[in-house]
Amino acid sequence: MKWSEQAWKEIEYIYTKIIEMPFNQELLSGSLQLERFQFYMQQDGVYLGEFSRALSLIAARCFNHPYTLDFIRFAEGAVVVERSLHEGYFKQFNVSGTAEASPTCQNYTQFLLTKASLDQVEVAMAAVLPCFWIYKKVGDYIYANQHDGANPYQEWINTYAGEDFGLLVDKAISICDHVAASCSDAQREQMTKAFVMASKLEWMFWDSAYRREQWPV
C-alpha cells in the first residue's frame, strides 16, 4: 500500500467532518453568510502568505531530492494563482485591508513553518499535503453535489474542483509517496502524524471562519 493511501485512511473521518460542517454545507448551497466568507477570505490570504513561505523552505531543503523546482512552483501557485482568486472576491464582496491572523490561523501557519524549518524534509512535505489534497476533495464534493441555481461562491468551487489544481495535487501526492518509499517505518510514521495534525488544523480553519474567531480580550 502506498503511503498516501494509508495516510488518507487515517484522516478519512476528518475529511467527512469537514464536508459535513456548516461552513462547507452552506458554501455548497450558496447560503453561507457573506460576513463568514469575508472573514474566511481574509484569513486565507494571511494563511497563503505563510504557506508559501513553508513551501519555499521545503524547496530550499530538497538538496537530497529532485523536487526543488516542484516546491518552488507550489509556492508560486499559493501566491499567484490563489491570490488572483482572492483579489476578484475582495472586489466582488467588498473585502479590504489586511487582517490579523486568527488564533487558529496563527496555530496552523506556525505548525507548518516549524515543520518546514526543523523537521525532516519528508515530514515537512507530508505536513503541507492536506492543504492541497483536502481542498481538492472538498472542491470536487461541492461541485458534484451543489444545487441548481446561481451560487455566489461558484468561482471558488470551480477553482478547487478544476483540472489544473487537480494536477498540482496529484504531483504533491506522488512526491510524498516517492520520498516515503525511501524512509524507514519510523520516519513514515512521523510523516503520517504530521499529515493527520495538518488535517485537523484544516478542520479548525473552516470552523474558525464560520465562528469568525477572535483573540480573547
C-alpha atoms as a PDB file:
ATOM      1  CA  MET A   1       0.000   0.000   0.000  1.00  0.00           C
ATOM      2  CA  LYS A   2       1.298   3.452  -0.870  1.00  0.00           C
ATOM      3  CA  TRP A   3       1.997   5.840   1.986  1.00  0.00           C
ATOM      4  CA  SER A   4      -0.681   8.228   0.710  1.00  0.00           C
ATOM      5  CA  GLU A   5      -3.353   5.503   0.739  1.00  0.00           C
ATOM      6  CA  GLN A   6      -2.553   4.581   4.327  1.00  0.00           C
ATOM      7  CA  ALA A   7      -2.344   8.253   5.362  1.00  0.00           C
ATOM      8  CA  TRP A   8      -5.731   9.070   3.823  1.00  0.00           C
ATOM      9  CA  LYS A   9      -7.336   6.226   5.743  1.00  0.00           C
ATOM     10  CA  GLU A  10      -6.031   7.860   8.918  1.00  0.00           C
ATOM     11  CA  ILE A  11      -7.797  11.151   8.170  1.00  0.00           C
ATOM     12  CA  GLU A  12     -10.885   9.996   6.274  1.00  0.00           C
ATOM     13  CA  TYR A  13     -13.042  10.648   9.335  1.00  0.00           C
ATOM     14  CA  ILE A  14     -11.662  14.203   9.498  1.00  0.00           C
ATOM     15  CA  TYR A  15     -12.459  14.770   5.824  1.00  0.00           C
ATOM     16  CA  THR A  16     -16.012  13.514   6.438  1.00  0.00           C
ATOM     17  CA  LYS A  17     -16.380  16.004   9.288  1.00  0.00           C
ATOM     18  CA  ILE A  18     -15.036  18.773   7.039  1.00  0.00           C
ATOM     19  CA  ILE A  19     -17.597  18.259   4.289  1.00  0.00           C
ATOM     20  CA  GLU A  20     -20.387  17.924   6.868  1.00  0.00           C
ATOM     21  CA  MET A  21     -19.540  21.126   8.728  1.00  0.00           C
ATOM     22  CA  PRO A  22     -21.868  24.135   8.353  1.00  0.00           C
ATOM     23  CA  PHE A  23     -19.328  26.277   6.505  1.00  0.00           C
ATOM     24  CA  ASN A  24     -18.971  23.851   3.595  1.00  0.00           C
ATOM     25  CA  GLN A  25     -22.616  22.752   3.509  1.00  0.00           C
ATOM     26  CA  GLU A  26     -23.706  26.381   3.304  1.00  0.00           C
ATOM     27  CA  LEU A  27     -20.972  27.090   0.754  1.00  0.00           C
ATOM     28  CA  LEU A  28     -22.383  24.217  -1.303  1.00  0.00           C
ATOM     29  CA  SER A  29     -25.919  25.630  -1.181  1.00  0.00           C
ATOM     30  CA  GLY A  30     -24.784  29.224  -1.683  1.00  0.00           C
ATOM     31  CA  SER A  31     -26.409  30.246   1.624  1.00  0.00           C
ATOM     32  CA  LEU A  32     -23.197  30.968   3.528  1.00  0.00           C
ATOM     33  CA  GLN A  33     -23.408  34.392   5.163  1.00  0.00           C
ATOM     34  CA  LEU A  34     -21.280  36.991   3.423  1.00  0.00           C
ATOM     35  CA  GLU A  35     -19.588  38.038   6.681  1.00  0.00           C
ATOM     36  CA  ARG A  36     -18.358  34.486   7.223  1.00  0.00           C
ATOM     37  CA  PHE A  37     -16.989  34.212   3.711  1.00  0.00           C
ATOM     38  CA  GLN A  38     -15.314  37.623   4.016  1.00  0.00           C
ATOM     39  CA  PHE A  39     -13.655  36.508   7.242  1.00  0.00           C
ATOM     40  CA  TYR A  40     -12.563  33.274   5.592  1.00  0.00           C
ATOM     41  CA  MET A  41     -11.042  35.096   2.611  1.00  0.00           C
ATOM     42  CA  GLN A  42      -9.102  37.487   4.813  1.00  0.00           C
ATOM     43  CA  GLN A  43      -7.722  34.658   6.947  1.00  0.00           C
ATOM     44  CA  ASP A  44      -6.946  32.567   3.890  1.00  0.00           C
ATOM     45  CA  GLY A  45      -4.968  35.483   2.495  1.00  0.00           C
ATOM     46  CA  VAL A  46      -2.889  35.559   5.685  1.00  0.00           C
ATOM     47  CA  TYR A  47      -2.525  31.783   5.584  1.00  0.00           C
ATOM     48  CA  LEU A  48      -1.382  31.659   1.961  1.00  0.00           C
ATOM     49  CA  GLY A  49       1.465  34.051   2.569  1.00  0.00           C
ATOM     50  CA  GLU A  50       2.827  31.819   5.343  1.00  0.00           C
ATOM     51  CA  PHE A  51       2.029  28.637   3.395  1.00  0.00           C
ATOM     52  CA  SER A  52       4.121  29.940   0.521  1.00  0.00           C
ATOM     53  CA  ARG A  53       6.999  30.559   2.943  1.00  0.00           C
ATOM     54  CA  ALA A  54       6.742  26.984   4.211  1.00  0.00           C
ATOM     55  CA  LEU A  55       6.805  25.637   0.647  1.00  0.00           C
ATOM     56  CA  SER A  56       9.832  27.800  -0.163  1.00  0.00           C
ATOM     57  CA  LEU A  57      11.644  26.474   2.904  1.00  0.00           C
ATOM     58  CA  ILE A  58      10.963  22.916   1.772  1.00  0.00           C
ATOM     59  CA  ALA A  59      12.254  23.758  -1.709  1.00  0.00           C
ATOM     60  CA  ALA A  60      15.481  25.061  -0.191  1.00  0.00           C
ATOM     61  CA  ARG A  61      15.917  21.849   1.802  1.00  0.00           C
ATOM     62  CA  CYS A  62      15.322  19.436  -1.097  1.00  0.00           C
ATOM     63  CA  PHE A  63      19.017  19.000  -1.884  1.00  0.00           C
ATOM     64  CA  ASN A  64      18.732  15.215  -1.457  1.00  0.00           C
ATOM     65  CA  HIS A  65      15.611  15.051  -3.634  1.00  0.00           C
ATOM     66  CA  PRO A  66      14.897  16.239  -7.202  1.00  0.00           C
ATOM     67  CA  TYR A  67      11.903  18.293  -6.084  1.00  0.00           C
ATOM     68  CA  THR A  68      13.259  21.786  -5.557  1.00  0.00           C
ATOM     69  CA  LEU A  69      11.597  23.162  -8.688  1.00  0.00           C
ATOM     70  CA  ASP A  70       8.289  21.474  -7.853  1.00  0.00           C
ATOM     71  CA  PHE A  71       8.107  23.142  -4.449  1.00  0.00           C
ATOM     72  CA  ILE A  72       9.141  26.483  -5.905  1.00  0.00           C
ATOM     73  CA  ARG A  73       6.211  26.127  -8.310  1.00  0.00           C
ATOM     74  CA  PHE A  74       3.913  25.135  -5.449  1.00  0.00           C
ATOM     75  CA  ALA A  75       4.987  28.288  -3.598  1.00  0.00           C
ATOM     76  CA  GLU A  76       4.342  30.429  -6.664  1.00  0.00           C
ATOM     77  CA  GLY A  77       0.921  28.824  -7.087  1.00  0.00           C
ATOM     78  CA  ALA A  78      -0.001  29.592  -3.491  1.00  0.00           C
ATOM     79  CA  VAL A  79       0.646  33.281  -4.094  1.00  0.00           C
ATOM     80  CA  VAL A  80      -0.084  33.916  -7.769  1.00  0.00           C
ATOM     81  CA  VAL A  81      -2.974  31.592  -8.646  1.00  0.00           C
ATOM     82  CA  GLU A  82      -4.935  31.701  -5.409  1.00  0.00           C
ATOM     83  CA  ARG A  83      -4.255  35.365  -4.681  1.00  0.00           C
ATOM     84  CA  SER A  84      -5.744  36.237  -8.081  1.00  0.00           C
ATOM     85  CA  LEU A  85      -8.916  34.459  -6.983  1.00  0.00           C
ATOM     86  CA  HIS A  86      -8.848  36.375  -3.715  1.00  0.00           C
ATOM     87  CA  GLU A  87      -8.424  39.711  -5.460  1.00  0.00           C
ATOM     88  CA  GLY A  88     -11.515  39.008  -7.523  1.00  0.00           C
ATOM     89  CA  TYR A  89     -13.511  38.107  -4.439  1.00  0.00           C
ATOM     90  CA  PHE A  90     -12.121  41.017  -2.447  1.00  0.00           C
ATOM     91  CA  LYS A  91     -13.619  43.361  -5.041  1.00  0.00           C
ATOM     92  CA  GLN A  92     -16.827  41.396  -5.527  1.00  0.00           C
ATOM     93  CA  PHE A  93     -17.577  41.065  -1.823  1.00  0.00           C
ATOM     94  CA  ASN A  94     -16.101  44.351  -0.625  1.00  0.00           C
ATOM     95  CA  VAL A  95     -13.252  42.856   1.391  1.00  0.00           C
ATOM     96  CA  SER A  96     -10.499  45.362   2.086  1.00  0.00           C
ATOM     97  CA  GLY A  97      -7.466  45.841   4.280  1.00  0.00           C
ATOM     98  CA  THR A  98      -5.185  43.356   5.924  1.00  0.00           C
ATOM     99  CA  ALA A  99      -6.282  41.108   8.744  1.00  0.00           C
ATOM    100  CA  GLU A 100      -4.536  39.906  11.851  1.00  0.00           C
ATOM    101  CA  ALA A 101      -4.140  36.144  11.928  1.00  0.00           C
ATOM    102  CA  SER A 102      -6.857  34.491  13.999  1.00  0.00           C
ATOM    103  CA  PRO A 103      -5.750  32.090  16.772  1.00  0.00           C
ATOM    104  CA  THR A 104      -6.386  29.088  14.514  1.00  0.00           C
ATOM    105  CA  CYS A 105      -4.666  30.638  11.511  1.00  0.00           C
ATOM    106  CA  GLN A 106      -1.683  31.507  13.696  1.00  0.00           C
ATOM    107  CA  ASN A 107      -1.581  27.979  15.087  1.00  0.00           C
ATOM    108  CA  TYR A 108      -1.783  26.361  11.654  1.00  0.00           C
ATOM    109  CA  THR A 109       0.817  28.528   9.939  1.00  0.00           C
ATOM    110  CA  GLN A 110       3.290  28.226  12.799  1.00  0.00           C
ATOM    111  CA  PHE A 111       2.869  24.448  12.728  1.00  0.00           C
ATOM    112  CA  LEU A 112       3.718  24.382   9.015  1.00  0.00           C
ATOM    113  CA  LEU A 113       6.654  26.766   9.331  1.00  0.00           C
ATOM    114  CA  THR A 114       8.072  24.750  12.226  1.00  0.00           C
ATOM    115  CA  LYS A 115       7.795  21.511  10.262  1.00  0.00           C
ATOM    116  CA  ALA A 116       9.296  23.124   7.165  1.00  0.00           C
ATOM    117  CA  SER A 117      12.208  24.574   9.147  1.00  0.00           C
ATOM    118  CA  LEU A 118      13.085  21.955  11.743  1.00  0.00           C
ATOM    119  CA  ASP A 119      11.671  18.545  10.880  1.00  0.00           C
ATOM    120  CA  GLN A 120      12.960  16.019   8.394  1.00  0.00           C
ATOM    121  CA  VAL A 121      12.087  17.395   4.957  1.00  0.00           C
ATOM    122  CA  GLU A 122       9.935  14.356   4.127  1.00  0.00           C
ATOM    123  CA  VAL A 123       7.847  15.090   7.229  1.00  0.00           C
ATOM    124  CA  ALA A 124       7.516  18.718   6.125  1.00  0.00           C
ATOM    125  CA  MET A 125       6.270  17.539   2.719  1.00  0.00           C
ATOM    126  CA  ALA A 126       3.594  15.447   4.433  1.00  0.00           C
ATOM    127  CA  ALA A 127       2.576  18.383   6.647  1.00  0.00           C
ATOM    128  CA  VAL A 128       1.764  20.648   3.687  1.00  0.00           C
ATOM    129  CA  LEU A 129      -0.066  17.952   1.717  1.00  0.00           C
ATOM    130  CA  PRO A 130      -3.519  18.295   3.367  1.00  0.00           C
ATOM    131  CA  CYS A 131      -3.849  21.889   2.163  1.00  0.00           C
ATOM    132  CA  PHE A 132      -3.607  20.570  -1.389  1.00  0.00           C
ATOM    133  CA  TRP A 133      -5.422  17.283  -1.079  1.00  0.00           C
ATOM    134  CA  ILE A 134      -8.317  18.139   1.232  1.00  0.00           C
ATOM    135  CA  TYR A 135      -9.140  21.321  -0.700  1.00  0.00           C
ATOM    136  CA  LYS A 136      -9.297  19.298  -3.914  1.00  0.00           C
ATOM    137  CA  LYS A 137     -11.542  16.684  -2.328  1.00  0.00           C
ATOM    138  CA  VAL A 138     -13.820  19.354  -0.847  1.00  0.00           C
ATOM    139  CA  GLY A 139     -13.980  21.219  -4.158  1.00  0.00           C
ATOM    140  CA  ASP A 140     -14.876  18.012  -6.007  1.00  0.00           C
ATOM    141  CA  TYR A 141     -17.521  17.122  -3.428  1.00  0.00           C
ATOM    142  CA  ILE A 142     -19.196  20.524  -3.563  1.00  0.00           C
ATOM    143  CA  TYR A 143     -19.040  20.655  -7.369  1.00  0.00           C
ATOM    144  CA  ALA A 144     -20.695  17.231  -7.648  1.00  0.00           C
ATOM    145  CA  ASN A 145     -23.396  17.926  -5.064  1.00  0.00           C
ATOM    146  CA  GLN A 146     -24.263  21.594  -5.479  1.00  0.00           C
ATOM    147  CA  HIS A 147     -27.853  22.625  -6.021  1.00  0.00           C
ATOM    148  CA  ASP A 148     -29.354  24.114  -9.148  1.00  0.00           C
ATOM    149  CA  GLY A 149     -29.268  27.870  -9.479  1.00  0.00           C
ATOM    150  CA  ALA A 150     -26.646  30.570  -9.142  1.00  0.00           C
ATOM    151  CA  ASN A 151     -24.111  30.219  -6.342  1.00  0.00           C
ATOM    152  CA  PRO A 152     -22.221  33.386  -5.342  1.00  0.00           C
ATOM    153  CA  TYR A 153     -19.226  31.203  -4.471  1.00  0.00           C
ATOM    154  CA  GLN A 154     -19.115  29.331  -7.777  1.00  0.00           C
ATOM    155  CA  GLU A 155     -15.697  30.669  -8.776  1.00  0.00           C
ATOM    156  CA  TRP A 156     -14.157  29.313  -5.571  1.00  0.00           C
ATOM    157  CA  ILE A 157     -15.803  25.945  -6.206  1.00  0.00           C
ATOM    158  CA  ASN A 158     -14.610  25.823  -9.810  1.00  0.00           C
ATOM    159  CA  THR A 159     -11.029  26.619  -8.824  1.00  0.00           C
ATOM    160  CA  TYR A 160     -10.616  23.772  -6.368  1.00  0.00           C
ATOM    161  CA  ALA A 161     -12.610  21.291  -8.458  1.00  0.00           C
ATOM    162  CA  GLY A 162     -10.659  22.265 -11.586  1.00  0.00           C
ATOM    163  CA  GLU A 163      -8.270  20.151 -13.621  1.00  0.00           C
ATOM    164  CA  ASP A 164      -5.274  22.471 -13.159  1.00  0.00           C
ATOM    165  CA  PHE A 165      -5.488  22.288  -9.388  1.00  0.00           C
ATOM    166  CA  GLY A 166      -6.032  18.536  -9.632  1.00  0.00           C
ATOM    167  CA  LEU A 167      -2.739  18.085 -11.496  1.00  0.00           C
ATOM    168  CA  LEU A 168      -0.954  20.059  -8.779  1.00  0.00           C
ATOM    169  CA  VAL A 169      -2.484  17.877  -6.078  1.00  0.00           C
ATOM    170  CA  ASP A 170      -1.570  14.665  -7.908  1.00  0.00           C
ATOM    171  CA  LYS A 171       2.035  15.855  -8.115  1.00  0.00           C
ATOM    172  CA  ALA A 172       2.183  16.656  -4.391  1.00  0.00           C
ATOM    173  CA  ILE A 173       0.785  13.218  -3.506  1.00  0.00           C
ATOM    174  CA  SER A 174       3.211  11.493  -5.872  1.00  0.00           C
ATOM    175  CA  ILE A 175       6.184  13.283  -4.320  1.00  0.00           C
ATOM    176  CA  CYS A 176       5.161  12.206  -0.818  1.00  0.00           C
ATOM    177  CA  ASP A 177       4.747   8.605  -1.944  1.00  0.00           C
ATOM    178  CA  HIS A 178       8.154   8.637  -3.616  1.00  0.00           C
ATOM    179  CA  VAL A 179      10.032  10.033  -0.613  1.00  0.00           C
ATOM    180  CA  ALA A 180       8.132   7.806   1.815  1.00  0.00           C
ATOM    181  CA  ALA A 181       9.291   4.731  -0.093  1.00  0.00           C
ATOM    182  CA  SER A 182      12.880   5.575   0.897  1.00  0.00           C
ATOM    183  CA  CYS A 183      12.063   6.277   4.542  1.00  0.00           C
ATOM    184  CA  SER A 184      12.190   3.926   7.499  1.00  0.00           C
ATOM    185  CA  ASP A 185       8.981   2.787   9.197  1.00  0.00           C
ATOM    186  CA  ALA A 186       9.610   5.280  11.995  1.00  0.00           C
ATOM    187  CA  GLN A 187      10.098   8.127   9.527  1.00  0.00           C
ATOM    188  CA  ARG A 188       6.915   7.226   7.641  1.00  0.00           C
ATOM    189  CA  GLU A 189       5.080   7.239  10.958  1.00  0.00           C
ATOM    190  CA  GLN A 190       6.288  10.793  11.568  1.00  0.00           C
ATOM    191  CA  MET A 191       5.091  11.755   8.085  1.00  0.00           C
ATOM    192  CA  THR A 192       1.669  10.343   8.881  1.00  0.00           C
ATOM    193  CA  LYS A 193       1.494  12.135  12.233  1.00  0.00           C
ATOM    194  CA  ALA A 194       2.261  15.459  10.538  1.00  0.00           C
ATOM    195  CA  PHE A 195      -0.323  14.740   7.839  1.00  0.00           C
ATOM    196  CA  VAL A 196      -3.001  13.938  10.427  1.00  0.00           C
ATOM    197  CA  MET A 197      -2.255  17.029  12.510  1.00  0.00           C
ATOM    198  CA  ALA A 198      -2.402  19.319   9.474  1.00  0.00           C
ATOM    199  CA  SER A 199      -5.734  17.716   8.519  1.00  0.00           C
ATOM    200  CA  LYS A 200      -7.119  18.505  11.974  1.00  0.00           C
ATOM    201  CA  LEU A 201      -5.944  22.083  11.544  1.00  0.00           C
ATOM    202  CA  GLU A 202      -7.756  22.225   8.197  1.00  0.00           C
ATOM    203  CA  TRP A 203     -10.997  21.386  10.004  1.00  0.00           C
ATOM    204  CA  MET A 204     -10.234  24.006  12.634  1.00  0.00           C
ATOM    205  CA  PHE A 205      -9.554  26.647   9.978  1.00  0.00           C
ATOM    206  CA  TRP A 206     -13.006  26.278   8.395  1.00  0.00           C
ATOM    207  CA  ASP A 207     -14.666  26.076  11.794  1.00  0.00           C
ATOM    208  CA  SER A 208     -12.883  29.243  12.947  1.00  0.00           C
ATOM    209  CA  ALA A 209     -14.073  31.074   9.826  1.00  0.00           C
ATOM    210  CA  TYR A 210     -17.668  30.052  10.475  1.00  0.00           C
ATOM    211  CA  ARG A 211     -17.391  31.365  14.050  1.00  0.00           C
ATOM    212  CA  ARG A 212     -15.388  34.423  12.918  1.00  0.00           C
ATOM    213  CA  GLU A 213     -12.937  33.575  15.648  1.00  0.00           C
ATOM    214  CA  GLN A 214     -11.328  36.416  17.582  1.00  0.00           C
ATOM    215  CA  TRP A 215      -8.486  36.632  20.062  1.00  0.00           C
ATOM    216  CA  PRO A 216      -9.584  36.903  23.720  1.00  0.00           C
ATOM    217  CA  VAL A 217      -9.646  40.463  25.004  1.00  0.00           C
END
